[in-house]
Amino acid sequence: MSDFIDKARAAERAMREVFPETPLLRNEHLSERYGANILLKREDLTPVRSYKLRGAFNAMRKVMARGEAPVFVCASAGNHAQGVAFMCQHFGVRGVIFMPVTTPQQKIGKTAKFGGESVEIKLIGDYFDDTLAAAQAHCAQIGGHFLPPFDDEDVIEGQASVAAEIEAQLGGLPDEIVMPVGGGGLSSGVRSYFGDRVGITLVEPEGGACLNAALAAGEPVRLAQVNNFADGAAVAQIGEKTFARLRDLDPARSRLVCEDRLCTTMIEMLNIEGIVLEPAGALSVDVLKDMRDEIAGKTVVCVTSGGNFDFERLPEVKERAQRHSGVKKYFILRMPQRPGALKDFLSILGPEDDIARFEYLKKSARNFGSVLIGIETGHAENFARIEAALKAQGFAYRDITKDEVLAEFLI
């Protein structure tokens, strides 16, 4: 283990020729809320706004230290692509980056900007598995060097530089480190560096809990479905090498976070702290809500792993946050087709209530019509009054806020 620590420290020192260490900052807002000393390790402030360039840097420098100068190839729709592109530009080597055709233009543009003339971007496949297969086939054909996003010992070692920085910046050890886990590169590297010297809590989105599945099965297993909202941590299967370093983790140390609740933390950190976090980057902060009693009085480092957030997604994040907090609901209302019916409905609303959506769907009977209504209110408890008034005035309604099928088609 000491050999791994030495290698991680060496990687961290070598990185200083490329970018400065990321800040480790006490957050007063969170510290006060949880009665603990909460520090944020701001990986969202690297040159590519995520920790991914650490692993790319370490893996590439190791290859070139052997006197090799291959074309580097990777497959990624996000942070890994940007990290590899940045390092290709830095080292002056060629790279080919495969991205799904469905990748947002913003991510393609940023990858192209970081890589400049050193990188060629190929858009292939509607799904990542197709993209990955195409990248690996191309790599074999040209005799290139494939750079995995997480399941590679040199990548793991590079991500462990986060731990080396934390220890140096603190001048010691925290009581607890909380970080997200997707494929396991960051989490396995940091855990291998600290061993049993520090408490480690790993966090996954509920819709991509590949570590939990692997811990239950005793080996990596492929999830049948993945919710890609927290795309930086939504991985179908944890890596073989990374899981080998995590397999003895106490399952109680592996936490799940609901994607909708995660949105409330993203909005809170943006509005209160002015910190832009991507969904995966907010996981370590959001999970503190479930750890209040465990962390009271302790020094806790939360790794904010990335800040690559497309602000075109902000309305979706706000919407999900409001629905999770209970201050926004959607109803299918059976509206009587008579004069004054709408006025009667509007009289139900109070001073904190607002109609966010009103859409006449169809006439369901001669004397009634179906209306989709979205209501926002100042406090979640106001809905008890609204629903009681609807019943008292004889309005038939159905709350579809959490009906996934209807919400997908109507909201």
Protein backbone atom coordinates (compact mmCIF):
# COMPACT_ATOMS: atom_id res chain seq x y z
CA MET A 1 0.00 0.00 0.00
CA SER A 2 2.85 2.40 0.75
CA ASP A 3 4.05 1.83 -2.84
CA PHE A 4 0.66 2.99 -4.14
CA ILE A 5 0.78 6.06 -1.90
CA ASP A 6 4.23 6.93 -3.21
CA LYS A 7 3.05 6.57 -6.81
CA ALA A 8 -0.03 8.73 -6.20
CA ARG A 9 2.15 11.42 -4.61
CA ALA A 10 4.56 11.26 -7.54
CA ALA A 11 1.65 11.64 -9.96
CA GLU A 12 0.37 14.62 -7.99
CA ARG A 13 3.77 16.31 -8.11
CA ALA A 14 4.06 15.72 -11.85
CA MET A 15 0.63 17.29 -12.43
CA ARG A 16 1.85 20.63 -11.15
CA GLU A 17 3.49 21.24 -14.51
CA VAL A 18 0.00 21.19 -16.03
CA PHE A 19 -2.43 22.67 -13.50
CA PRO A 20 -2.44 23.85 -9.87
CA GLU A 21 -3.93 21.82 -7.04
CA THR A 22 -7.67 22.27 -6.64
CA PRO A 23 -8.83 24.19 -3.55
CA LEU A 24 -9.94 22.51 -0.33
CA LEU A 25 -12.37 25.04 1.12
CA ARG A 26 -14.42 25.10 4.30
CA ASN A 27 -18.08 25.72 3.50
CA GLU A 28 -19.70 27.79 6.22
CA HIS A 29 -23.25 27.17 5.00
CA LEU A 30 -22.94 23.39 5.14
CA SER A 31 -20.81 23.40 8.30
CA GLU A 32 -23.47 25.36 10.17
CA ARG A 33 -26.30 23.21 8.87
CA TYR A 34 -24.72 19.90 9.89
CA GLY A 35 -22.78 20.97 12.97
CA ALA A 36 -19.55 19.74 11.42
CA ASN A 37 -16.42 21.07 9.73
CA ILE A 38 -17.43 20.54 6.09
CA LEU A 39 -14.77 21.13 3.45
CA LEU A 40 -15.28 20.89 -0.30
CA LYS A 41 -12.52 19.46 -2.49
CA ARG A 42 -13.28 21.52 -5.58
CA GLU A 43 -12.54 19.20 -8.49
CA ASP A 44 -15.08 21.27 -10.40
CA LEU A 45 -12.32 23.91 -10.63
CA THR A 46 -9.75 21.99 -12.68
CA PRO A 47 -9.08 23.31 -16.20
CA VAL A 48 -11.70 20.90 -17.57
CA ARG A 49 -14.04 21.28 -14.56
CA SER A 50 -13.67 17.68 -13.40
CA TYR A 51 -11.06 15.34 -11.90
CA LYS A 52 -10.90 13.24 -15.07
CA LEU A 53 -7.81 14.91 -16.48
CA ARG A 54 -5.80 13.50 -13.55
CA GLY A 55 -6.18 9.90 -14.68
CA ALA A 56 -5.70 10.83 -18.33
CA PHE A 57 -2.50 12.71 -17.48
CA ASN A 58 -1.02 9.88 -15.43
CA ALA A 59 -1.85 7.14 -17.92
CA MET A 60 -0.49 9.11 -20.87
CA ARG A 61 2.73 10.15 -19.15
CA LYS A 62 3.39 6.52 -18.20
CA VAL A 63 3.00 5.41 -21.82
CA MET A 64 5.30 8.13 -23.11
CA ALA A 65 7.84 7.45 -20.36
CA ARG A 66 8.30 4.02 -21.98
CA GLY A 67 9.35 5.76 -25.17
CA GLU A 68 6.06 5.12 -26.93
CA ALA A 69 4.19 7.78 -28.89
CA PRO A 70 0.96 6.11 -30.02
CA VAL A 71 -2.32 7.67 -31.07
CA PHE A 72 -4.45 7.76 -27.93
CA VAL A 73 -8.05 6.61 -28.36
CA CYS A 74 -10.99 6.88 -25.98
CA ALA A 75 -14.78 6.68 -25.95
CA SER A 76 -16.70 9.15 -23.83
CA ALA A 77 -19.69 11.47 -23.91
CA GLY A 78 -18.42 13.78 -21.21
CA ASN A 79 -15.68 14.51 -18.72
CA HIS A 80 -13.27 11.75 -19.74
CA ALA A 81 -13.31 13.00 -23.33
CA GLN A 82 -12.47 16.51 -22.20
CA GLY A 83 -9.67 15.31 -19.92
CA VAL A 84 -8.08 13.22 -22.68
CA ALA A 85 -8.43 16.07 -25.18
CA PHE A 86 -6.77 18.52 -22.79
CA MET A 87 -3.85 16.18 -22.18
CA CYS A 88 -3.37 15.41 -25.89
CA GLN A 89 -2.99 19.13 -26.45
CA HIS A 90 -0.62 19.44 -23.48
CA PHE A 91 1.64 16.55 -24.51
CA GLY A 92 1.46 17.38 -28.20
CA VAL A 93 0.23 13.90 -29.14
CA ARG A 94 -2.58 12.76 -31.39
CA GLY A 95 -5.88 11.59 -30.01
CA VAL A 96 -9.08 10.19 -31.47
CA ILE A 97 -12.16 10.62 -29.31
CA PHE A 98 -15.32 8.69 -30.07
CA MET A 99 -18.59 10.19 -28.84
CA PRO A 100 -22.20 9.05 -29.36
CA VAL A 101 -24.11 10.86 -32.10
CA THR A 102 -26.56 11.94 -29.38
CA THR A 103 -23.88 13.84 -27.39
CA PRO A 104 -24.97 17.47 -26.76
CA GLN A 105 -23.19 19.95 -29.00
CA GLN A 106 -21.92 21.83 -25.94
CA LYS A 107 -19.86 18.80 -24.86
CA ILE A 108 -18.58 18.18 -28.37
CA GLY A 109 -17.56 21.80 -28.65
CA LYS A 110 -15.71 21.84 -25.33
CA THR A 111 -13.85 18.64 -26.20
CA ALA A 112 -12.81 20.09 -29.55
CA LYS A 113 -11.67 23.31 -27.88
CA PHE A 114 -9.52 21.51 -25.30
CA GLY A 115 -7.96 19.21 -27.89
CA GLY A 116 -7.43 21.73 -30.68
CA GLU A 117 -5.61 20.30 -33.68
CA SER A 118 -4.29 17.39 -31.62
CA VAL A 119 -7.65 15.66 -31.44
CA GLU A 120 -10.06 14.16 -33.96
CA ILE A 121 -13.65 13.65 -32.79
CA LYS A 122 -15.73 10.85 -34.29
CA LEU A 123 -19.48 10.75 -33.67
CA ILE A 124 -20.59 7.13 -33.92
CA GLY A 125 -23.53 5.23 -32.42
CA ASP A 126 -26.78 6.24 -30.77
CA TYR A 127 -25.79 4.36 -27.59
CA PHE A 128 -22.52 4.37 -25.70
CA ASP A 129 -21.94 0.62 -26.08
CA ASP A 130 -21.89 1.09 -29.87
CA THR A 131 -19.51 4.04 -29.50
CA LEU A 132 -17.19 2.04 -27.26
CA ALA A 133 -17.09 -0.91 -29.65
CA ALA A 134 -16.26 1.40 -32.57
CA ALA A 135 -13.48 3.10 -30.56
CA GLN A 136 -11.88 -0.19 -29.56
CA ALA A 137 -12.06 -1.55 -33.11
CA HIS A 138 -10.44 1.63 -34.48
CA CYS A 139 -7.75 1.51 -31.81
CA ALA A 140 -6.85 -2.07 -32.73
CA GLN A 141 -6.84 -1.23 -36.42
CA ILE A 142 -4.37 1.67 -36.11
CA GLY A 143 -2.29 0.18 -33.29
CA GLY A 144 -3.25 2.98 -30.91
CA HIS A 145 -3.36 3.08 -27.12
CA PHE A 146 -6.85 2.87 -25.61
CA LEU A 147 -7.49 5.07 -22.56
CA PRO A 148 -10.26 3.60 -20.38
CA PRO A 149 -12.25 6.12 -18.33
CA PHE A 150 -11.72 4.27 -15.03
CA ASP A 151 -10.75 0.59 -15.25
CA ASP A 152 -7.00 1.06 -15.60
CA GLU A 153 -4.31 0.97 -12.90
CA ASP A 154 -2.56 4.11 -14.15
CA VAL A 155 -5.88 5.97 -14.29
CA ILE A 156 -6.72 4.84 -10.74
CA GLU A 157 -3.30 5.98 -9.58
CA GLY A 158 -3.84 9.36 -11.23
CA GLN A 159 -7.23 9.87 -9.59
CA ALA A 160 -5.64 9.04 -6.23
CA SER A 161 -3.74 12.32 -6.52
CA VAL A 162 -6.94 13.90 -5.15
CA ALA A 163 -6.23 12.11 -1.86
CA ALA A 164 -2.58 13.19 -1.85
CA GLU A 165 -3.67 16.81 -2.21
CA ILE A 166 -6.28 16.53 0.54
CA GLU A 167 -3.72 15.15 2.99
CA ALA A 168 -1.18 17.85 2.14
CA GLN A 169 -3.72 20.68 2.25
CA LEU A 170 -5.13 19.60 5.60
CA GLY A 171 -1.74 18.85 7.06
CA GLY A 172 -3.28 15.63 8.31
CA LEU A 173 -6.31 13.44 7.84
CA PRO A 174 -10.03 14.25 7.88
CA ASP A 175 -12.46 12.09 9.82
CA GLU A 176 -14.51 11.31 6.74
CA ILE A 177 -14.28 11.63 2.96
CA VAL A 178 -17.50 11.56 0.92
CA MET A 179 -17.31 11.14 -2.84
CA PRO A 180 -19.33 9.93 -5.80
CA VAL A 181 -18.76 6.60 -7.48
CA GLY A 182 -19.54 5.67 -11.08
CA GLY A 183 -17.05 3.32 -12.67
CA GLY A 184 -14.90 3.54 -9.55
CA GLY A 185 -11.70 5.25 -10.72
CA LEU A 186 -11.80 8.11 -8.22
CA SER A 187 -13.27 6.15 -5.32
CA SER A 188 -10.93 3.16 -5.63
CA GLY A 189 -7.91 5.44 -5.96
CA VAL A 190 -8.76 7.59 -2.93
CA ARG A 191 -9.72 4.59 -0.81
CA SER A 192 -6.53 2.74 -1.74
CA TYR A 193 -4.51 5.81 -0.77
CA PHE A 194 -6.11 6.32 2.64
CA GLY A 195 -6.88 2.69 3.50
CA ASP A 196 -8.34 2.44 7.00
CA ARG A 197 -6.89 5.76 8.10
CA VAL A 198 -10.02 7.68 7.06
CA GLY A 199 -13.73 6.91 6.97
CA ILE A 200 -14.94 6.63 3.38
CA THR A 201 -18.54 7.07 2.20
CA LEU A 202 -19.33 6.45 -1.46
CA VAL A 203 -22.45 7.83 -3.15
CA GLU A 204 -24.31 6.66 -6.25
CA PRO A 205 -27.45 7.90 -8.00
CA GLU A 206 -30.36 5.53 -7.46
CA GLY A 207 -30.67 5.04 -11.21
CA GLY A 208 -27.06 3.92 -11.61
CA ALA A 209 -26.17 1.95 -8.50
CA CYS A 210 -23.57 -0.37 -10.03
CA LEU A 211 -21.39 -0.47 -6.89
CA ASN A 212 -24.31 -1.53 -4.71
CA ALA A 213 -25.18 -4.25 -7.22
CA ALA A 214 -21.58 -5.47 -7.28
CA LEU A 215 -21.29 -5.52 -3.48
CA ALA A 216 -24.50 -7.58 -3.28
CA ALA A 217 -23.32 -10.03 -5.95
CA GLY A 218 -19.68 -10.15 -4.88
CA GLU A 219 -18.58 -9.23 -8.40
CA PRO A 220 -19.27 -6.56 -11.05
CA VAL A 221 -22.70 -7.01 -12.62
CA ARG A 222 -24.33 -5.13 -15.46
CA LEU A 223 -27.41 -3.09 -14.61
CA ALA A 224 -30.38 -3.77 -16.86
CA GLN A 225 -31.30 -0.08 -16.90
CA VAL A 226 -29.46 3.15 -16.12
CA ASN A 227 -30.93 6.59 -15.49
CA ASN A 228 -28.48 8.94 -17.20
CA PHE A 229 -29.51 12.12 -15.39
CA ALA A 230 -26.37 12.05 -13.21
CA ASP A 231 -24.33 11.11 -16.27
CA GLY A 232 -20.95 11.58 -14.58
CA ALA A 233 -21.76 8.71 -12.20
CA ALA A 234 -24.42 6.73 -14.06
CA VAL A 235 -22.46 3.64 -15.11
CA ALA A 236 -23.98 0.29 -16.04
CA GLN A 237 -21.13 -1.79 -14.61
CA ILE A 238 -18.32 -0.94 -12.24
CA GLY A 239 -14.82 -1.78 -13.43
CA GLU A 240 -13.10 -5.08 -12.64
CA LYS A 241 -9.92 -3.40 -11.39
CA THR A 242 -11.74 -0.69 -9.48
CA PHE A 243 -14.08 -3.16 -7.79
CA ALA A 244 -11.11 -5.27 -6.73
CA ARG A 245 -10.11 -2.27 -4.59
CA LEU A 246 -13.65 -1.72 -3.28
CA ARG A 247 -15.01 -5.24 -2.81
CA ASP A 248 -14.42 -5.26 0.97
CA LEU A 249 -16.28 -1.97 1.51
CA ASP A 250 -18.92 -2.12 4.23
CA PRO A 251 -22.23 -1.93 2.29
CA ALA A 252 -23.44 0.61 4.88
CA ARG A 253 -20.74 2.91 3.49
CA SER A 254 -22.32 2.81 0.03
CA ARG A 255 -25.19 5.27 -0.19
CA LEU A 256 -27.85 5.98 -2.79
CA VAL A 257 -29.28 9.38 -3.66
CA CYS A 258 -32.57 10.06 -5.44
CA GLU A 259 -32.00 12.04 -8.65
CA ASP A 260 -34.89 14.43 -7.90
CA ARG A 261 -33.54 15.24 -4.44
CA LEU A 262 -30.13 15.75 -6.00
CA CYS A 263 -31.67 18.60 -8.01
CA THR A 264 -32.59 20.44 -4.80
CA THR A 265 -28.91 20.42 -3.80
CA MET A 266 -27.77 21.64 -7.21
CA ILE A 267 -30.21 24.58 -7.00
CA GLU A 268 -29.23 25.30 -3.40
CA MET A 269 -25.50 25.34 -4.11
CA LEU A 270 -26.06 27.60 -7.11
CA ASN A 271 -28.40 30.06 -5.38
CA ILE A 272 -26.74 30.23 -1.96
CA GLU A 273 -23.08 29.53 -2.68
CA GLY A 274 -22.76 30.47 -6.34
CA ILE A 275 -21.23 27.02 -7.04
CA VAL A 276 -22.15 25.34 -10.32
CA LEU A 277 -22.17 21.57 -9.95
CA GLU A 278 -23.15 18.90 -12.44
CA PRO A 279 -25.46 16.20 -11.01
CA ALA A 280 -22.62 13.78 -10.21
CA GLY A 281 -20.63 16.63 -8.66
CA ALA A 282 -23.45 17.34 -6.19
CA LEU A 283 -23.80 13.75 -4.94
CA SER A 284 -21.30 14.12 -2.09
CA VAL A 285 -23.06 17.23 -0.79
CA ASP A 286 -26.60 15.90 -1.14
CA VAL A 287 -25.92 12.71 0.81
CA LEU A 288 -25.01 14.74 3.90
CA LYS A 289 -28.77 14.99 4.47
CA ASP A 290 -28.70 11.29 5.36
CA MET A 291 -25.54 11.50 7.48
CA ARG A 292 -26.35 14.31 9.92
CA ASP A 293 -26.00 12.22 13.09
CA GLU A 294 -22.87 10.44 11.87
CA ILE A 295 -20.86 13.53 10.97
CA ALA A 296 -21.75 15.94 13.78
CA GLY A 297 -18.56 17.48 15.21
CA LYS A 298 -16.31 15.82 12.61
CA THR A 299 -14.09 17.11 9.82
CA VAL A 300 -15.66 15.93 6.57
CA VAL A 301 -14.29 16.39 3.05
CA CYS A 302 -16.84 16.24 0.23
CA VAL A 303 -15.35 15.79 -3.23
CA THR A 304 -17.32 17.93 -5.69
CA SER A 305 -16.22 15.91 -8.67
CA GLY A 306 -17.37 18.06 -11.57
CA GLY A 307 -19.03 21.27 -12.70
CA ASN A 308 -19.75 20.59 -16.37
CA PHE A 309 -23.37 21.65 -16.29
CA ASP A 310 -25.23 22.77 -19.39
CA PHE A 311 -27.49 25.62 -18.30
CA GLU A 312 -30.03 24.57 -20.90
CA ARG A 313 -30.82 21.83 -18.38
CA LEU A 314 -31.56 24.31 -15.59
CA PRO A 315 -35.36 24.37 -16.17
CA GLU A 316 -35.42 20.56 -15.88
CA VAL A 317 -33.35 20.65 -12.68
CA LYS A 318 -35.60 23.32 -11.16
CA GLU A 319 -38.71 21.38 -12.14
CA ARG A 320 -37.43 18.16 -10.55
CA ALA A 321 -36.34 20.01 -7.42
CA GLN A 322 -39.77 21.63 -7.00
CA ARG A 323 -41.60 18.36 -7.49
CA HIS A 324 -39.33 16.58 -5.00
CA SER A 325 -39.78 19.37 -2.43
CA GLY A 326 -43.55 19.11 -2.82
CA VAL A 327 -44.05 22.74 -3.90
CA LYS A 328 -45.13 21.83 -7.42
CA LYS A 329 -47.77 19.33 -8.48
CA TYR A 330 -49.59 18.33 -11.61
CA PHE A 331 -53.25 17.31 -11.74
CA ILE A 332 -55.66 16.03 -14.33
CA LEU A 333 -58.81 17.95 -13.43
CA ARG A 334 -62.30 17.04 -14.62
CA MET A 335 -63.64 20.49 -15.38
CA PRO A 336 -67.43 20.98 -15.64
CA GLN A 337 -68.39 22.54 -18.97
CA ARG A 338 -70.49 25.36 -17.51
CA PRO A 339 -70.11 29.12 -17.09
CA GLY A 340 -68.17 30.04 -13.96
CA ALA A 341 -66.49 26.65 -13.48
CA LEU A 342 -63.00 28.04 -14.09
CA LYS A 343 -63.72 30.97 -11.78
CA ASP A 344 -64.78 28.52 -9.07
CA PHE A 345 -61.53 26.64 -9.48
CA LEU A 346 -59.43 29.80 -9.34
CA SER A 347 -61.13 30.83 -6.09
CA ILE A 348 -59.52 27.79 -4.47
CA LEU A 349 -56.01 29.17 -4.95
CA GLY A 350 -54.41 31.17 -2.17
CA PRO A 351 -51.90 34.05 -2.18
CA GLU A 352 -48.89 31.66 -2.38
CA ASP A 353 -50.35 29.54 -5.18
CA ASP A 354 -49.70 30.00 -8.88
CA ILE A 355 -50.78 28.19 -12.03
CA ALA A 356 -47.65 27.07 -13.89
CA ARG A 357 -49.41 25.00 -16.56
CA PHE A 358 -52.96 24.99 -17.91
CA GLU A 359 -53.75 22.81 -20.89
CA TYR A 360 -57.17 21.69 -22.07
CA LEU A 361 -56.68 18.05 -23.05
CA LYS A 362 -60.03 16.90 -24.40
CA LYS A 363 -63.74 16.77 -23.75
CA SER A 364 -64.13 13.53 -21.80
CA ALA A 365 -67.94 13.73 -21.69
CA ARG A 366 -70.65 16.06 -22.91
CA ASN A 367 -70.63 18.06 -19.70
CA PHE A 368 -66.99 17.67 -18.63
CA GLY A 369 -63.52 18.27 -20.03
CA SER A 370 -60.07 17.08 -18.91
CA VAL A 371 -57.53 19.75 -18.04
CA LEU A 372 -53.83 19.36 -17.22
CA ILE A 373 -52.99 21.82 -14.44
CA GLY A 374 -49.61 22.50 -12.87
CA ILE A 375 -49.62 24.40 -9.59
CA GLU A 376 -46.67 25.95 -7.76
CA THR A 377 -46.98 27.07 -4.17
CA GLY A 378 -44.79 28.64 -1.51
CA HIS A 379 -45.00 25.75 0.96
CA ALA A 380 -45.73 22.07 0.35
CA GLU A 381 -48.39 21.95 3.08
CA ASN A 382 -50.57 24.32 1.00
CA PHE A 383 -51.55 21.39 -1.20
CA ALA A 384 -53.53 19.80 1.64
CA ARG A 385 -55.76 22.91 1.63
CA ILE A 386 -56.00 22.97 -2.17
CA GLU A 387 -56.97 19.30 -2.45
CA ALA A 388 -59.50 19.58 0.37
CA ALA A 389 -61.11 22.55 -1.39
CA LEU A 390 -61.24 20.66 -4.70
CA LYS A 391 -63.11 17.81 -3.03
CA ALA A 392 -65.43 20.19 -1.17
CA GLN A 393 -66.43 21.93 -4.39
CA GLY A 394 -66.96 18.65 -6.23
CA PHE A 395 -64.01 18.80 -8.62
CA ALA A 396 -62.80 15.35 -9.64
CA TYR A 397 -59.02 15.26 -9.99
CA ARG A 398 -56.03 12.96 -10.17
CA ASP A 399 -52.53 13.83 -8.92
CA ILE A 400 -50.10 12.66 -11.65
CA THR A 401 -46.94 14.28 -10.23
CA LYS A 402 -45.30 10.95 -9.47
CA ASP A 403 -46.97 8.91 -12.19
CA GLU A 404 -43.92 8.22 -14.37
CA VAL A 405 -45.88 7.07 -17.41
CA LEU A 406 -48.35 9.96 -17.53
CA ALA A 407 -45.69 12.49 -16.53
CA GLU A 408 -43.47 11.37 -19.40
CA PHE A 409 -46.21 12.00 -21.98
CA LEU A 410 -48.00 14.99 -20.47
CA ILE A 411 -45.42 16.96 -18.48
